[in-house]
Amino acid sequence: MPPLAPASQVAASSAADPVVLSLTVFVLACFIGYYVVWRVTPALHSPLMAVTNAISSVIIVGALIAAGATAQAHGIAISQLLGFAAITLAAVNIFGGFVISQRMLGKFKKKPKT
């Protein structure tokens, strides 16, 4: 009977490709996010938007750090481009969240009687 391979060699030989693993996580997150967002009741929408805006503000801080990176190979570093894209997308998310929150809160206001 041949000797058994060490556990580290077995784990390394059966490991999935990191790109496939990342793509799988991304696709699953998209499906879960879609179903979670569309199942939210209107009463919970505004508090969830506030939390989303807070998370996006943390993303902007990290993106500013990435965009401010000074190490450059050829002109603009990839971290600066990705940081700028992250700042732009997070800013759109924050401002859009405020607009949607205002519209949702407007639905709870009493209408004046005429």
N, C-alpha and C. Protein backbone atom coordinates (compact mmCIF):
# COMPACT_ATOMS: atom_id res chain seq x y z
N MET A 1 0.85 -1.18 0.00
CA MET A 1 0.00 0.00 0.00
C MET A 1 0.89 1.24 0.00
N PRO A 2 0.66 2.20 -0.95
CA PRO A 2 1.52 3.38 -1.02
C PRO A 2 1.24 4.31 0.17
N PRO A 3 2.24 5.09 0.56
CA PRO A 3 2.04 6.02 1.68
C PRO A 3 1.05 7.12 1.29
N LEU A 4 0.33 7.61 2.26
CA LEU A 4 -0.64 8.68 2.02
C LEU A 4 0.07 10.02 1.87
N ALA A 5 -0.45 10.86 0.99
CA ALA A 5 0.13 12.19 0.78
C ALA A 5 -0.22 13.10 1.96
N PRO A 6 0.67 14.04 2.29
CA PRO A 6 0.34 14.98 3.37
C PRO A 6 -0.91 15.79 3.03
N ALA A 7 -1.59 16.24 4.06
CA ALA A 7 -2.85 16.97 3.88
C ALA A 7 -2.64 18.26 3.08
N SER A 8 -1.49 18.92 3.23
CA SER A 8 -1.26 20.16 2.50
C SER A 8 -1.18 19.91 1.00
N GLN A 9 -0.60 18.77 0.59
CA GLN A 9 -0.52 18.46 -0.83
C GLN A 9 -1.88 18.10 -1.39
N VAL A 10 -2.68 17.41 -0.62
CA VAL A 10 -4.03 17.05 -1.07
C VAL A 10 -4.88 18.30 -1.22
N ALA A 11 -4.79 19.23 -0.25
CA ALA A 11 -5.58 20.46 -0.32
C ALA A 11 -5.14 21.32 -1.49
N ALA A 12 -3.83 21.38 -1.75
CA ALA A 12 -3.34 22.20 -2.85
C ALA A 12 -3.72 21.63 -4.20
N SER A 13 -3.75 20.31 -4.31
CA SER A 13 -4.07 19.72 -5.60
C SER A 13 -5.55 19.80 -5.94
N SER A 14 -6.41 19.91 -4.93
CA SER A 14 -7.85 19.97 -5.19
C SER A 14 -8.41 21.37 -5.04
N ALA A 15 -7.55 22.38 -4.90
CA ALA A 15 -8.02 23.76 -4.73
C ALA A 15 -8.58 24.28 -6.05
N ALA A 16 -9.63 25.08 -5.93
CA ALA A 16 -10.26 25.67 -7.11
C ALA A 16 -9.46 26.87 -7.60
N ASP A 17 -9.65 27.19 -8.85
CA ASP A 17 -9.01 28.36 -9.43
C ASP A 17 -9.55 29.61 -8.71
N PRO A 18 -8.68 30.52 -8.27
CA PRO A 18 -9.15 31.71 -7.54
C PRO A 18 -10.12 32.58 -8.35
N VAL A 19 -9.92 32.64 -9.66
CA VAL A 19 -10.81 33.45 -10.50
C VAL A 19 -12.21 32.84 -10.52
N VAL A 20 -12.29 31.53 -10.66
CA VAL A 20 -13.58 30.84 -10.68
C VAL A 20 -14.27 30.99 -9.32
N LEU A 21 -13.50 30.86 -8.26
CA LEU A 21 -14.05 31.02 -6.91
C LEU A 21 -14.58 32.43 -6.70
N SER A 22 -13.82 33.44 -7.10
CA SER A 22 -14.26 34.83 -6.96
C SER A 22 -15.50 35.11 -7.81
N LEU A 23 -15.52 34.58 -9.02
CA LEU A 23 -16.68 34.78 -9.89
C LEU A 23 -17.92 34.10 -9.31
N THR A 24 -17.75 32.94 -8.72
CA THR A 24 -18.87 32.23 -8.09
C THR A 24 -19.44 33.02 -6.93
N VAL A 25 -18.57 33.56 -6.09
CA VAL A 25 -19.01 34.38 -4.95
C VAL A 25 -19.73 35.63 -5.45
N PHE A 26 -19.21 36.26 -6.51
CA PHE A 26 -19.84 37.46 -7.06
C PHE A 26 -21.24 37.16 -7.59
N VAL A 27 -21.38 36.09 -8.34
CA VAL A 27 -22.69 35.74 -8.90
C VAL A 27 -23.69 35.41 -7.79
N LEU A 28 -23.25 34.64 -6.79
CA LEU A 28 -24.14 34.32 -5.67
C LEU A 28 -24.54 35.58 -4.90
N ALA A 29 -23.59 36.49 -4.70
CA ALA A 29 -23.90 37.75 -4.01
C ALA A 29 -24.90 38.58 -4.80
N CYS A 30 -24.80 38.56 -6.12
CA CYS A 30 -25.78 39.29 -6.95
C CYS A 30 -27.18 38.71 -6.78
N PHE A 31 -27.30 37.39 -6.83
CA PHE A 31 -28.61 36.76 -6.66
C PHE A 31 -29.18 37.03 -5.27
N ILE A 32 -28.37 36.85 -4.25
CA ILE A 32 -28.85 37.08 -2.88
C ILE A 32 -29.22 38.54 -2.68
N GLY A 33 -28.39 39.45 -3.16
CA GLY A 33 -28.69 40.87 -3.04
C GLY A 33 -29.98 41.26 -3.74
N TYR A 34 -30.20 40.71 -4.93
CA TYR A 34 -31.42 41.00 -5.68
C TYR A 34 -32.65 40.56 -4.89
N TYR A 35 -32.63 39.34 -4.39
CA TYR A 35 -33.80 38.84 -3.67
C TYR A 35 -33.99 39.52 -2.32
N VAL A 36 -32.92 39.90 -1.66
CA VAL A 36 -33.05 40.61 -0.38
C VAL A 36 -33.62 42.00 -0.60
N VAL A 37 -33.14 42.72 -1.60
CA VAL A 37 -33.60 44.09 -1.83
C VAL A 37 -35.06 44.11 -2.25
N TRP A 38 -35.49 43.22 -3.10
CA TRP A 38 -36.87 43.26 -3.58
C TRP A 38 -37.86 42.72 -2.57
N ARG A 39 -37.40 42.10 -1.49
CA ARG A 39 -38.30 41.58 -0.46
C ARG A 39 -38.42 42.53 0.74
N VAL A 40 -37.79 43.69 0.69
CA VAL A 40 -37.83 44.64 1.80
C VAL A 40 -39.18 45.35 1.82
N THR A 41 -39.79 45.39 2.98
CA THR A 41 -41.07 46.11 3.12
C THR A 41 -40.80 47.60 3.15
N PRO A 42 -41.77 48.42 2.75
CA PRO A 42 -41.55 49.87 2.73
C PRO A 42 -41.19 50.46 4.09
N ALA A 43 -41.68 49.88 5.16
CA ALA A 43 -41.38 50.41 6.50
C ALA A 43 -39.90 50.26 6.85
N LEU A 44 -39.24 49.25 6.29
CA LEU A 44 -37.83 49.03 6.58
C LEU A 44 -36.90 49.69 5.57
N HIS A 45 -37.45 50.26 4.53
CA HIS A 45 -36.61 50.77 3.46
C HIS A 45 -35.71 51.91 3.91
N SER A 46 -36.27 52.89 4.60
CA SER A 46 -35.48 54.07 5.01
C SER A 46 -34.34 53.72 5.96
N PRO A 47 -34.56 52.89 7.00
CA PRO A 47 -33.42 52.52 7.84
C PRO A 47 -32.33 51.77 7.09
N LEU A 48 -32.73 50.91 6.14
CA LEU A 48 -31.73 50.17 5.37
C LEU A 48 -30.95 51.10 4.45
N MET A 49 -31.61 52.11 3.91
CA MET A 49 -30.92 53.08 3.06
C MET A 49 -29.90 53.87 3.89
N ALA A 50 -30.24 54.19 5.13
CA ALA A 50 -29.30 54.91 5.98
C ALA A 50 -28.05 54.07 6.24
N VAL A 51 -28.22 52.78 6.47
CA VAL A 51 -27.08 51.90 6.68
C VAL A 51 -26.26 51.78 5.40
N THR A 52 -26.93 51.68 4.27
CA THR A 52 -26.22 51.60 2.99
C THR A 52 -25.40 52.86 2.74
N ASN A 53 -25.96 54.01 3.07
CA ASN A 53 -25.21 55.26 2.91
C ASN A 53 -23.99 55.29 3.83
N ALA A 54 -24.12 54.75 5.04
CA ALA A 54 -22.98 54.71 5.95
C ALA A 54 -21.89 53.79 5.42
N ILE A 55 -22.27 52.66 4.86
CA ILE A 55 -21.28 51.73 4.29
C ILE A 55 -20.59 52.38 3.10
N SER A 56 -21.35 53.09 2.28
CA SER A 56 -20.75 53.75 1.12
C SER A 56 -19.78 54.84 1.54
N SER A 57 -20.05 55.51 2.66
CA SER A 57 -19.11 56.54 3.11
C SER A 57 -17.79 55.91 3.55
N VAL A 58 -17.83 54.71 4.12
CA VAL A 58 -16.60 54.01 4.48
C VAL A 58 -15.86 53.59 3.21
N ILE A 59 -16.60 53.20 2.19
CA ILE A 59 -15.99 52.83 0.91
C ILE A 59 -15.27 54.03 0.30
N ILE A 60 -15.86 55.20 0.42
CA ILE A 60 -15.23 56.41 -0.13
C ILE A 60 -13.92 56.69 0.58
N VAL A 61 -13.86 56.50 1.89
CA VAL A 61 -12.61 56.73 2.62
C VAL A 61 -11.51 55.78 2.09
N GLY A 62 -11.84 54.51 1.94
CA GLY A 62 -10.86 53.57 1.39
C GLY A 62 -10.48 53.89 -0.05
N ALA A 63 -11.45 54.34 -0.83
CA ALA A 63 -11.17 54.69 -2.23
C ALA A 63 -10.29 55.93 -2.32
N LEU A 64 -10.47 56.87 -1.41
CA LEU A 64 -9.60 58.05 -1.39
C LEU A 64 -8.15 57.65 -1.08
N ILE A 65 -7.99 56.69 -0.18
CA ILE A 65 -6.65 56.21 0.12
C ILE A 65 -6.05 55.53 -1.11
N ALA A 66 -6.84 54.73 -1.81
CA ALA A 66 -6.34 54.05 -3.01
C ALA A 66 -6.05 55.05 -4.12
N ALA A 67 -6.90 56.05 -4.28
CA ALA A 67 -6.70 57.03 -5.36
C ALA A 67 -5.51 57.94 -5.06
N GLY A 68 -5.17 58.08 -3.80
CA GLY A 68 -4.04 58.93 -3.44
C GLY A 68 -2.71 58.21 -3.44
N ALA A 69 -2.68 56.98 -3.91
CA ALA A 69 -1.42 56.22 -3.94
C ALA A 69 -0.42 56.91 -4.86
N THR A 70 0.83 56.97 -4.41
CA THR A 70 1.84 57.69 -5.18
C THR A 70 2.74 56.78 -6.01
N ALA A 71 2.72 55.47 -5.74
CA ALA A 71 3.56 54.55 -6.50
C ALA A 71 3.00 54.40 -7.91
N GLN A 72 3.78 54.82 -8.90
CA GLN A 72 3.33 54.76 -10.29
C GLN A 72 4.37 54.03 -11.13
N ALA A 73 3.89 53.17 -11.99
CA ALA A 73 4.79 52.46 -12.90
C ALA A 73 4.89 53.23 -14.22
N HIS A 74 3.76 53.50 -14.83
CA HIS A 74 3.71 54.21 -16.10
C HIS A 74 2.59 55.23 -16.04
N GLY A 75 2.86 56.44 -15.62
CA GLY A 75 1.83 57.46 -15.55
C GLY A 75 0.91 57.24 -14.36
N ILE A 76 -0.36 56.95 -14.64
CA ILE A 76 -1.36 56.76 -13.59
C ILE A 76 -1.39 55.30 -13.19
N ALA A 77 -1.34 55.06 -11.88
CA ALA A 77 -1.36 53.69 -11.37
C ALA A 77 -2.78 53.13 -11.45
N ILE A 78 -2.88 51.81 -11.54
CA ILE A 78 -4.19 51.16 -11.62
C ILE A 78 -4.98 51.40 -10.34
N SER A 79 -4.28 51.52 -9.21
CA SER A 79 -4.99 51.78 -7.95
C SER A 79 -5.66 53.15 -7.98
N GLN A 80 -5.05 54.11 -8.66
CA GLN A 80 -5.67 55.43 -8.77
C GLN A 80 -6.92 55.38 -9.64
N LEU A 81 -6.86 54.62 -10.73
CA LEU A 81 -8.04 54.50 -11.59
C LEU A 81 -9.18 53.77 -10.87
N LEU A 82 -8.84 52.67 -10.20
CA LEU A 82 -9.87 51.94 -9.46
C LEU A 82 -10.40 52.75 -8.28
N GLY A 83 -9.51 53.50 -7.62
CA GLY A 83 -9.95 54.38 -6.53
C GLY A 83 -10.90 55.45 -7.02
N PHE A 84 -10.60 56.06 -8.17
CA PHE A 84 -11.49 57.06 -8.73
C PHE A 84 -12.84 56.46 -9.11
N ALA A 85 -12.82 55.26 -9.69
CA ALA A 85 -14.08 54.60 -10.04
C ALA A 85 -14.88 54.28 -8.79
N ALA A 86 -14.21 53.83 -7.74
CA ALA A 86 -14.90 53.52 -6.48
C ALA A 86 -15.50 54.77 -5.85
N ILE A 87 -14.77 55.87 -5.90
CA ILE A 87 -15.30 57.14 -5.36
C ILE A 87 -16.54 57.56 -6.14
N THR A 88 -16.48 57.48 -7.45
CA THR A 88 -17.60 57.88 -8.29
C THR A 88 -18.83 57.02 -8.02
N LEU A 89 -18.66 55.71 -8.02
CA LEU A 89 -19.80 54.82 -7.81
C LEU A 89 -20.38 54.95 -6.40
N ALA A 90 -19.52 55.08 -5.39
CA ALA A 90 -20.02 55.23 -4.03
C ALA A 90 -20.73 56.56 -3.85
N ALA A 91 -20.24 57.62 -4.50
CA ALA A 91 -20.91 58.92 -4.41
C ALA A 91 -22.29 58.86 -5.06
N VAL A 92 -22.40 58.21 -6.21
CA VAL A 92 -23.70 58.04 -6.85
C VAL A 92 -24.63 57.25 -5.94
N ASN A 93 -24.11 56.22 -5.28
CA ASN A 93 -24.92 55.42 -4.37
C ASN A 93 -25.40 56.25 -3.18
N ILE A 94 -24.53 57.07 -2.63
CA ILE A 94 -24.91 57.89 -1.47
C ILE A 94 -25.98 58.91 -1.86
N PHE A 95 -25.73 59.67 -2.92
CA PHE A 95 -26.68 60.70 -3.30
C PHE A 95 -28.00 60.10 -3.78
N GLY A 96 -27.92 59.00 -4.50
CA GLY A 96 -29.16 58.31 -4.90
C GLY A 96 -29.91 57.78 -3.70
N GLY A 97 -29.19 57.32 -2.69
CA GLY A 97 -29.82 56.84 -1.46
C GLY A 97 -30.55 57.95 -0.73
N PHE A 98 -29.96 59.14 -0.71
CA PHE A 98 -30.64 60.27 -0.07
C PHE A 98 -31.91 60.66 -0.83
N VAL A 99 -31.84 60.64 -2.14
CA VAL A 99 -33.02 60.99 -2.94
C VAL A 99 -34.13 59.98 -2.71
N ILE A 100 -33.79 58.70 -2.73
CA ILE A 100 -34.80 57.66 -2.53
C ILE A 100 -35.35 57.71 -1.12
N SER A 101 -34.48 57.97 -0.13
CA SER A 101 -34.96 58.07 1.25
C SER A 101 -35.95 59.23 1.40
N GLN A 102 -35.66 60.35 0.77
CA GLN A 102 -36.59 61.49 0.84
C GLN A 102 -37.93 61.15 0.21
N ARG A 103 -37.90 60.44 -0.90
CA ARG A 103 -39.16 60.05 -1.54
C ARG A 103 -39.94 59.08 -0.67
N MET A 104 -39.24 58.12 -0.03
CA MET A 104 -39.92 57.17 0.84
C MET A 104 -40.50 57.87 2.06
N LEU A 105 -39.75 58.79 2.66
CA LEU A 105 -40.26 59.52 3.82
C LEU A 105 -41.44 60.41 3.42
N GLY A 106 -41.43 60.90 2.20
CA GLY A 106 -42.55 61.71 1.72
C GLY A 106 -43.85 60.92 1.63
N LYS A 107 -43.76 59.63 1.45
CA LYS A 107 -44.96 58.79 1.38
C LYS A 107 -45.63 58.65 2.74
N PHE A 108 -44.89 58.88 3.82
CA PHE A 108 -45.46 58.75 5.16
C PHE A 108 -46.04 60.07 5.68
N LYS A 109 -45.86 61.16 4.97
CA LYS A 109 -46.39 62.45 5.39
C LYS A 109 -47.90 62.47 5.15
N LYS A 110 -48.59 63.14 6.05
CA LYS A 110 -50.03 63.29 5.88
C LYS A 110 -50.30 64.31 4.79
N LYS A 111 -51.23 63.97 3.97
CA LYS A 111 -51.62 64.88 2.89
C LYS A 111 -52.58 65.93 3.44
N PRO A 112 -52.43 67.18 3.03
CA PRO A 112 -53.36 68.21 3.53
C PRO A 112 -54.77 68.00 2.96
N LYS A 113 -55.74 68.19 3.82
CA LYS A 113 -57.12 68.03 3.40
C LYS A 113 -57.56 69.29 2.64
N THR A 114 -58.20 69.06 1.53
CA THR A 114 -58.65 70.20 0.72
C THR A 114 -60.14 70.35 0.77
